[in-house]
Amino acid sequence: MLKILIILIFLTIIVSLGTALFHLIKHKETSAQTVKALTYRIGISLALFIALSIAFMSGIIQPTGIGMQMQLQKAKMAEQNN
């Protein structure tokens, strides 16, 4: 459920960016609509960042990937040395 919400928010960010590009090309200069679309994109991106931070801190999502694997290997080596 959370993954679907994150994907939808990313798609909303891309649509907002596309809208800003459309208005920029259409009006050939900075327009109020371009600024408005970019402002929405910044707000949505900030909200996504805050939501992901809260989800990480509360334990809803867990880190995975190369960085996490490196941390696990360091912890295992430190445990073996002690």
PDB file of N, CA and C in Angstrom:
ATOM      1  N   MET A   1       0.829  -1.191   0.000  1.00  0.00           N
ATOM      2  CA  MET A   1       0.000   0.000   0.000  1.00  0.00           C
ATOM      3  C   MET A   1       0.876   1.258   0.000  1.00  0.00           C
ATOM      4  N   LEU A   2       1.915   1.253   0.835  1.00  0.00           N
ATOM      5  CA  LEU A   2       2.809   2.413   0.927  1.00  0.00           C
ATOM      6  C   LEU A   2       3.575   2.606  -0.382  1.00  0.00           C
ATOM      7  N   LYS A   3       3.992   1.498  -1.002  1.00  0.00           N
ATOM      8  CA  LYS A   3       4.727   1.588  -2.263  1.00  0.00           C
ATOM      9  C   LYS A   3       3.870   2.207  -3.355  1.00  0.00           C
ATOM     10  N   ILE A   4       2.599   1.841  -3.394  1.00  0.00           N
ATOM     11  CA  ILE A   4       1.690   2.405  -4.395  1.00  0.00           C
ATOM     12  C   ILE A   4       1.526   3.899  -4.170  1.00  0.00           C
ATOM     13  N   LEU A   5       1.397   4.307  -2.916  1.00  0.00           N
ATOM     14  CA  LEU A   5       1.264   5.732  -2.594  1.00  0.00           C
ATOM     15  C   LEU A   5       2.507   6.508  -3.004  1.00  0.00           C
ATOM     16  N   ILE A   6       3.680   5.950  -2.748  1.00  0.00           N
ATOM     17  CA  ILE A   6       4.935   6.615  -3.125  1.00  0.00           C
ATOM     18  C   ILE A   6       5.029   6.744  -4.648  1.00  0.00           C
ATOM     19  N   ILE A   7       4.669   5.692  -5.365  1.00  0.00           N
ATOM     20  CA  ILE A   7       4.705   5.739  -6.833  1.00  0.00           C
ATOM     21  C   ILE A   7       3.732   6.792  -7.361  1.00  0.00           C
ATOM     22  N   LEU A   8       2.548   6.872  -6.778  1.00  0.00           N
ATOM     23  CA  LEU A   8       1.572   7.881  -7.210  1.00  0.00           C
ATOM     24  C   LEU A   8       2.083   9.299  -6.950  1.00  0.00           C
ATOM     25  N   ILE A   9       2.754   9.493  -5.834  1.00  0.00           N
ATOM     26  CA  ILE A   9       3.308  10.817  -5.535  1.00  0.00           C
ATOM     27  C   ILE A   9       4.418  11.162  -6.524  1.00  0.00           C
ATOM     28  N   PHE A  10       5.282  10.182  -6.861  1.00  0.00           N
ATOM     29  CA  PHE A  10       6.319  10.425  -7.864  1.00  0.00           C
ATOM     30  C   PHE A  10       5.698  10.782  -9.213  1.00  0.00           C
ATOM     31  N   LEU A  11       4.634  10.089  -9.592  1.00  0.00           N
ATOM     32  CA  LEU A  11       3.962  10.402 -10.860  1.00  0.00           C
ATOM     33  C   LEU A  11       3.362  11.807 -10.838  1.00  0.00           C
ATOM     34  N   THR A  12       2.828  12.200  -9.688  1.00  0.00           N
ATOM     35  CA  THR A  12       2.292  13.556  -9.550  1.00  0.00           C
ATOM     36  C   THR A  12       3.397  14.593  -9.707  1.00  0.00           C
ATOM     37  N   ILE A  13       4.557  14.311  -9.165  1.00  0.00           N
ATOM     38  CA  ILE A  13       5.703  15.219  -9.304  1.00  0.00           C
ATOM     39  C   ILE A  13       6.097  15.343 -10.774  1.00  0.00           C
ATOM     40  N   ILE A  14       6.126  14.223 -11.489  1.00  0.00           N
ATOM     41  CA  ILE A  14       6.495  14.243 -12.909  1.00  0.00           C
ATOM     42  C   ILE A  14       5.456  15.000 -13.728  1.00  0.00           C
ATOM     43  N   VAL A  15       4.181  14.802 -13.422  1.00  0.00           N
ATOM     44  CA  VAL A  15       3.125  15.536 -14.132  1.00  0.00           C
ATOM     45  C   VAL A  15       3.259  17.032 -13.882  1.00  0.00           C
ATOM     46  N   SER A  16       3.524  17.420 -12.657  1.00  0.00           N
ATOM     47  CA  SER A  16       3.696  18.834 -12.338  1.00  0.00           C
ATOM     48  C   SER A  16       4.883  19.426 -13.088  1.00  0.00           C
ATOM     49  N   LEU A  17       5.967  18.664 -13.170  1.00  0.00           N
ATOM     50  CA  LEU A  17       7.139  19.125 -13.906  1.00  0.00           C
ATOM     51  C   LEU A  17       6.830  19.249 -15.402  1.00  0.00           C
ATOM     52  N   GLY A  18       6.081  18.293 -15.929  1.00  0.00           N
ATOM     53  CA  GLY A  18       5.673  18.357 -17.332  1.00  0.00           C
ATOM     54  C   GLY A  18       4.763  19.545 -17.610  1.00  0.00           C
ATOM     55  N   THR A  19       3.870  19.833 -16.684  1.00  0.00           N
ATOM     56  CA  THR A  19       2.981  20.988 -16.828  1.00  0.00           C
ATOM     57  C   THR A  19       3.789  22.286 -16.856  1.00  0.00           C
ATOM     58  N   ALA A  20       4.777  22.374 -15.983  1.00  0.00           N
ATOM     59  CA  ALA A  20       5.631  23.564 -15.964  1.00  0.00           C
ATOM     60  C   ALA A  20       6.386  23.704 -17.286  1.00  0.00           C
ATOM     61  N   LEU A  21       6.898  22.593 -17.812  1.00  0.00           N
ATOM     62  CA  LEU A  21       7.604  22.631 -19.094  1.00  0.00           C
ATOM     63  C   LEU A  21       6.678  23.061 -20.216  1.00  0.00           C
ATOM     64  N   PHE A  22       5.462  22.540 -20.215  1.00  0.00           N
ATOM     65  CA  PHE A  22       4.490  22.915 -21.239  1.00  0.00           C
ATOM     66  C   PHE A  22       4.214  24.413 -21.216  1.00  0.00           C
ATOM     67  N   HIS A  23       3.958  24.950 -20.037  1.00  0.00           N
ATOM     68  CA  HIS A  23       3.662  26.387 -19.936  1.00  0.00           C
ATOM     69  C   HIS A  23       4.886  27.235 -20.279  1.00  0.00           C
ATOM     70  N   LEU A  24       6.071  26.752 -19.950  1.00  0.00           N
ATOM     71  CA  LEU A  24       7.292  27.487 -20.280  1.00  0.00           C
ATOM     72  C   LEU A  24       7.494  27.545 -21.790  1.00  0.00           C
ATOM     73  N   ILE A  25       7.256  26.427 -22.465  1.00  0.00           N
ATOM     74  CA  ILE A  25       7.421  26.396 -23.923  1.00  0.00           C
ATOM     75  C   ILE A  25       6.316  27.183 -24.607  1.00  0.00           C
ATOM     76  N   LYS A  26       5.098  27.070 -24.114  1.00  0.00           N
ATOM     77  CA  LYS A  26       3.943  27.732 -24.726  1.00  0.00           C
ATOM     78  C   LYS A  26       4.066  29.253 -24.641  1.00  0.00           C
ATOM     79  N   HIS A  27       4.493  29.778 -23.509  1.00  0.00           N
ATOM     80  CA  HIS A  27       4.535  31.228 -23.318  1.00  0.00           C
ATOM     81  C   HIS A  27       5.902  31.831 -23.609  1.00  0.00           C
ATOM     82  N   LYS A  28       6.908  31.003 -23.832  1.00  0.00           N
ATOM     83  CA  LYS A  28       8.268  31.451 -24.179  1.00  0.00           C
ATOM     84  C   LYS A  28       8.912  32.356 -23.130  1.00  0.00           C
ATOM     85  N   GLU A  29       8.375  32.400 -21.975  1.00  0.00           N
ATOM     86  CA  GLU A  29       8.926  33.200 -20.886  1.00  0.00           C
ATOM     87  C   GLU A  29       8.344  32.691 -19.578  1.00  0.00           C
ATOM     88  N   THR A  30       8.824  33.204 -18.491  1.00  0.00           N
ATOM     89  CA  THR A  30       8.303  32.794 -17.198  1.00  0.00           C
ATOM     90  C   THR A  30       6.882  33.305 -17.044  1.00  0.00           C
ATOM     91  N   SER A  31       5.976  32.376 -16.780  1.00  0.00           N
ATOM     92  CA  SER A  31       4.583  32.767 -16.584  1.00  0.00           C
ATOM     93  C   SER A  31       4.149  32.366 -15.183  1.00  0.00           C
ATOM     94  N   ALA A  32       3.030  32.882 -14.758  1.00  0.00           N
ATOM     95  CA  ALA A  32       2.506  32.561 -13.433  1.00  0.00           C
ATOM     96  C   ALA A  32       2.174  31.080 -13.336  1.00  0.00           C
ATOM     97  N   GLN A  33       1.731  30.495 -14.443  1.00  0.00           N
ATOM     98  CA  GLN A  33       1.380  29.074 -14.441  1.00  0.00           C
ATOM     99  C   GLN A  33       2.619  28.196 -14.285  1.00  0.00           C
ATOM    100  N   THR A  34       3.729  28.610 -14.886  1.00  0.00           N
ATOM    101  CA  THR A  34       4.981  27.866 -14.749  1.00  0.00           C
ATOM    102  C   THR A  34       5.451  27.903 -13.299  1.00  0.00           C
ATOM    103  N   VAL A  35       5.430  29.065 -12.716  1.00  0.00           N
ATOM    104  CA  VAL A  35       5.861  29.220 -11.319  1.00  0.00           C
ATOM    105  C   VAL A  35       4.944  28.434 -10.396  1.00  0.00           C
ATOM    106  N   LYS A  36       3.659  28.464 -10.665  1.00  0.00           N
ATOM    107  CA  LYS A  36       2.690  27.737  -9.846  1.00  0.00           C
ATOM    108  C   LYS A  36       2.943  26.230  -9.914  1.00  0.00           C
ATOM    109  N   ALA A  37       3.177  25.705 -11.115  1.00  0.00           N
ATOM    110  CA  ALA A  37       3.435  24.271 -11.277  1.00  0.00           C
ATOM    111  C   ALA A  37       4.728  23.865 -10.584  1.00  0.00           C
ATOM    112  N   LEU A  38       5.766  24.687 -10.690  1.00  0.00           N
ATOM    113  CA  LEU A  38       7.030  24.369 -10.032  1.00  0.00           C
ATOM    114  C   LEU A  38       6.905  24.464  -8.510  1.00  0.00           C
ATOM    115  N   THR A  39       6.096  25.396  -8.032  1.00  0.00           N
ATOM    116  CA  THR A  39       5.856  25.521  -6.597  1.00  0.00           C
ATOM    117  C   THR A  39       5.142  24.293  -6.065  1.00  0.00           C
ATOM    118  N   TYR A  40       4.143  23.803  -6.821  1.00  0.00           N
ATOM    119  CA  TYR A  40       3.457  22.572  -6.430  1.00  0.00           C
ATOM    120  C   TYR A  40       4.439  21.403  -6.379  1.00  0.00           C
ATOM    121  N   ARG A  41       5.328  21.326  -7.368  1.00  0.00           N
ATOM    122  CA  ARG A  41       6.296  20.231  -7.417  1.00  0.00           C
ATOM    123  C   ARG A  41       7.200  20.261  -6.190  1.00  0.00           C
ATOM    124  N   ILE A  42       7.651  21.441  -5.812  1.00  0.00           N
ATOM    125  CA  ILE A  42       8.512  21.559  -4.635  1.00  0.00           C
ATOM    126  C   ILE A  42       7.754  21.153  -3.372  1.00  0.00           C
ATOM    127  N   GLY A  43       6.527  21.594  -3.262  1.00  0.00           N
ATOM    128  CA  GLY A  43       5.715  21.229  -2.096  1.00  0.00           C
ATOM    129  C   GLY A  43       5.460  19.735  -2.013  1.00  0.00           C
ATOM    130  N   ILE A  44       5.132  19.124  -3.144  1.00  0.00           N
ATOM    131  CA  ILE A  44       4.880  17.681  -3.171  1.00  0.00           C
ATOM    132  C   ILE A  44       6.161  16.919  -2.850  1.00  0.00           C
ATOM    133  N   SER A  45       7.295  17.361  -3.389  1.00  0.00           N
ATOM    134  CA  SER A  45       8.573  16.696  -3.121  1.00  0.00           C
ATOM    135  C   SER A  45       8.936  16.797  -1.640  1.00  0.00           C
ATOM    136  N   LEU A  46       8.708  17.943  -1.059  1.00  0.00           N
ATOM    137  CA  LEU A  46       8.993  18.133   0.365  1.00  0.00           C
ATOM    138  C   LEU A  46       8.089  17.243   1.219  1.00  0.00           C
ATOM    139  N   ALA A  47       6.813  17.176   0.861  1.00  0.00           N
ATOM    140  CA  ALA A  47       5.883  16.321   1.597  1.00  0.00           C
ATOM    141  C   ALA A  47       6.290  14.850   1.484  1.00  0.00           C
ATOM    142  N   LEU A  48       6.734  14.435   0.303  1.00  0.00           N
ATOM    143  CA  LEU A  48       7.194  13.053   0.122  1.00  0.00           C
ATOM    144  C   LEU A  48       8.419  12.777   0.980  1.00  0.00           C
ATOM    145  N   PHE A  49       9.359  13.704   1.002  1.00  0.00           N
ATOM    146  CA  PHE A  49      10.568  13.529   1.816  1.00  0.00           C
ATOM    147  C   PHE A  49      10.222  13.412   3.296  1.00  0.00           C
ATOM    148  N   ILE A  50       9.337  14.261   3.780  1.00  0.00           N
ATOM    149  CA  ILE A  50       8.938  14.215   5.188  1.00  0.00           C
ATOM    150  C   ILE A  50       8.214  12.909   5.493  1.00  0.00           C
ATOM    151  N   ALA A  51       7.331  12.479   4.595  1.00  0.00           N
ATOM    152  CA  ALA A  51       6.597  11.229   4.811  1.00  0.00           C
ATOM    153  C   ALA A  51       7.548  10.032   4.834  1.00  0.00           C
ATOM    154  N   LEU A  52       8.526  10.009   3.940  1.00  0.00           N
ATOM    155  CA  LEU A  52       9.495   8.912   3.929  1.00  0.00           C
ATOM    156  C   LEU A  52      10.362   8.929   5.183  1.00  0.00           C
ATOM    157  N   SER A  53      10.724  10.110   5.643  1.00  0.00           N
ATOM    158  CA  SER A  53      11.515  10.215   6.876  1.00  0.00           C
ATOM    159  C   SER A  53      10.734   9.694   8.082  1.00  0.00           C
ATOM    160  N   ILE A  54       9.468  10.065   8.171  1.00  0.00           N
ATOM    161  CA  ILE A  54       8.629   9.603   9.275  1.00  0.00           C
ATOM    162  C   ILE A  54       8.437   8.095   9.200  1.00  0.00           C
ATOM    163  N   ALA A  55       8.201   7.574   7.989  1.00  0.00           N
ATOM    164  CA  ALA A  55       8.026   6.128   7.822  1.00  0.00           C
ATOM    165  C   ALA A  55       9.292   5.372   8.199  1.00  0.00           C
ATOM    166  N   PHE A  56      10.451   5.919   7.865  1.00  0.00           N
ATOM    167  CA  PHE A  56      11.719   5.278   8.232  1.00  0.00           C
ATOM    168  C   PHE A  56      11.941   5.305   9.734  1.00  0.00           C
ATOM    169  N   MET A  57      11.688   6.454  10.363  1.00  0.00           N
ATOM    170  CA  MET A  57      11.913   6.578  11.800  1.00  0.00           C
ATOM    171  C   MET A  57      10.934   5.729  12.614  1.00  0.00           C
ATOM    172  N   SER A  58       9.721   5.558  12.110  1.00  0.00           N
ATOM    173  CA  SER A  58       8.739   4.758  12.841  1.00  0.00           C
ATOM    174  C   SER A  58       8.877   3.268  12.548  1.00  0.00           C
ATOM    175  N   GLY A  59       9.720   2.893  11.590  1.00  0.00           N
ATOM    176  CA  GLY A  59       9.953   1.486  11.303  1.00  0.00           C
ATOM    177  C   GLY A  59       9.026   0.892  10.259  1.00  0.00           C
ATOM    178  N   ILE A  60       8.227   1.711   9.612  1.00  0.00           N
ATOM    179  CA  ILE A  60       7.317   1.211   8.583  1.00  0.00           C
ATOM    180  C   ILE A  60       8.106   0.724   7.377  1.00  0.00           C
ATOM    181  N   ILE A  61       9.169   1.438   7.030  1.00  0.00           N
ATOM    182  CA  ILE A  61      10.039   1.007   5.945  1.00  0.00           C
ATOM    183  C   ILE A  61      11.426   0.736   6.503  1.00  0.00           C
ATOM    184  N   GLN A  62      12.118  -0.205   5.890  1.00  0.00           N
ATOM    185  CA  GLN A  62      13.453  -0.584   6.322  1.00  0.00           C
ATOM    186  C   GLN A  62      14.432  -0.351   5.177  1.00  0.00           C
ATOM    187  N   PRO A  63      15.637   0.096   5.482  1.00  0.00           N
ATOM    188  CA  PRO A  63      16.617   0.308   4.417  1.00  0.00           C
ATOM    189  C   PRO A  63      17.131  -1.027   3.884  1.00  0.00           C
ATOM    190  N   THR A  64      17.328  -1.076   2.588  1.00  0.00           N
ATOM    191  CA  THR A  64      17.912  -2.244   1.927  1.00  0.00           C
ATOM    192  C   THR A  64      18.884  -1.732   0.881  1.00  0.00           C
ATOM    193  N   GLY A  65      19.618  -2.624   0.269  1.00  0.00           N
ATOM    194  CA  GLY A  65      20.513  -2.220  -0.805  1.00  0.00           C
ATOM    195  C   GLY A  65      21.965  -2.304  -0.395  1.00  0.00           C
ATOM    196  N   ILE A  66      22.816  -1.704  -1.191  1.00  0.00           N
ATOM    197  CA  ILE A  66      24.258  -1.811  -1.009  1.00  0.00           C
ATOM    198  C   ILE A  66      24.703  -1.189   0.316  1.00  0.00           C
ATOM    199  N   GLY A  67      24.218  -0.026   0.637  1.00  0.00           N
ATOM    200  CA  GLY A  67      24.620   0.638   1.882  1.00  0.00           C
ATOM    201  C   GLY A  67      24.257  -0.181   3.104  1.00  0.00           C
ATOM    202  N   MET A  68      23.076  -0.761   3.102  1.00  0.00           N
ATOM    203  CA  MET A  68      22.643  -1.577   4.236  1.00  0.00           C
ATOM    204  C   MET A  68      23.480  -2.841   4.329  1.00  0.00           C
ATOM    205  N   GLN A  69      23.792  -3.459   3.212  1.00  0.00           N
ATOM    206  CA  GLN A  69      24.611  -4.666   3.215  1.00  0.00           C
ATOM    207  C   GLN A  69      26.006  -4.370   3.761  1.00  0.00           C
ATOM    208  N   MET A  70      26.556  -3.212   3.410  1.00  0.00           N
ATOM    209  CA  MET A  70      27.876  -2.825   3.923  1.00  0.00           C
ATOM    210  C   MET A  70      27.831  -2.638   5.438  1.00  0.00           C
ATOM    211  N   GLN A  71      26.771  -2.031   5.949  1.00  0.00           N
ATOM    212  CA  GLN A  71      26.637  -1.826   7.394  1.00  0.00           C
ATOM    213  C   GLN A  71      26.524  -3.160   8.119  1.00  0.00           C
ATOM    214  N   LEU A  72      25.779  -4.109   7.544  1.00  0.00           N
ATOM    215  CA  LEU A  72      25.643  -5.424   8.160  1.00  0.00           C
ATOM    216  C   LEU A  72      26.978  -6.168   8.182  1.00  0.00           C
ATOM    217  N   GLN A  73      27.748  -6.044   7.102  1.00  0.00           N
ATOM    218  CA  GLN A  73      29.059  -6.692   7.054  1.00  0.00           C
ATOM    219  C   GLN A  73      30.011  -6.080   8.080  1.00  0.00           C
ATOM    220  N   LYS A  74      29.993  -4.757   8.230  1.00  0.00           N
ATOM    221  CA  LYS A  74      30.846  -4.105   9.237  1.00  0.00           C
ATOM    222  C   LYS A  74      30.464  -4.551  10.638  1.00  0.00           C
ATOM    223  N   ALA A  75      29.168  -4.642  10.903  1.00  0.00           N
ATOM    224  CA  ALA A  75      28.709  -5.071  12.225  1.00  0.00           C
ATOM    225  C   ALA A  75      29.117  -6.518  12.490  1.00  0.00           C
ATOM    226  N   LYS A  76      29.026  -7.367  11.480  1.00  0.00           N
ATOM    227  CA  LYS A  76      29.410  -8.764  11.637  1.00  0.00           C
ATOM    228  C   LYS A  76      30.907  -8.884  11.893  1.00  0.00           C
ATOM    229  N   MET A  77      31.725  -8.110  11.170  1.00  0.00           N
ATOM    230  CA  MET A  77      33.175  -8.157  11.368  1.00  0.00           C
ATOM    231  C   MET A  77      33.552  -7.639  12.757  1.00  0.00           C
ATOM    232  N   ALA A  78      32.879  -6.575  13.214  1.00  0.00           N
ATOM    233  CA  ALA A  78      33.160  -6.032  14.536  1.00  0.00           C
ATOM    234  C   ALA A  78      32.776  -7.046  15.618  1.00  0.00           C
ATOM    235  N   GLU A  79      31.691  -7.769  15.402  1.00  0.00           N
ATOM    236  CA  GLU A  79      31.245  -8.776  16.348  1.00  0.00           C
ATOM    237  C   GLU A  79      32.230  -9.949  16.407  1.00  0.00           C
ATOM    238  N   GLN A  80      32.783 -10.322  15.257  1.00  0.00           N
ATOM    239  CA  GLN A  80      33.753 -11.414  15.218  1.00  0.00           C
ATOM    240  C   GLN A  80      35.069 -11.015  15.878  1.00  0.00           C
ATOM    241  N   ASN A  81      35.444  -9.757  15.776  1.00  0.00           N
ATOM    242  CA  ASN A  81      36.696  -9.278  16.374  1.00  0.00           C
ATOM    243  C   ASN A  81      36.621  -9.208  17.893  1.00  0.00           C
ATOM    244  N   ASN A  82      35.417  -9.040  18.427  1.00  0.00           N
ATOM    245  CA  ASN A  82      35.235  -8.943  19.887  1.00  0.00           C
ATOM    246  C   ASN A  82      35.095 -10.288  20.447  1.00  0.00           C
TER     247      ASN A  82
END
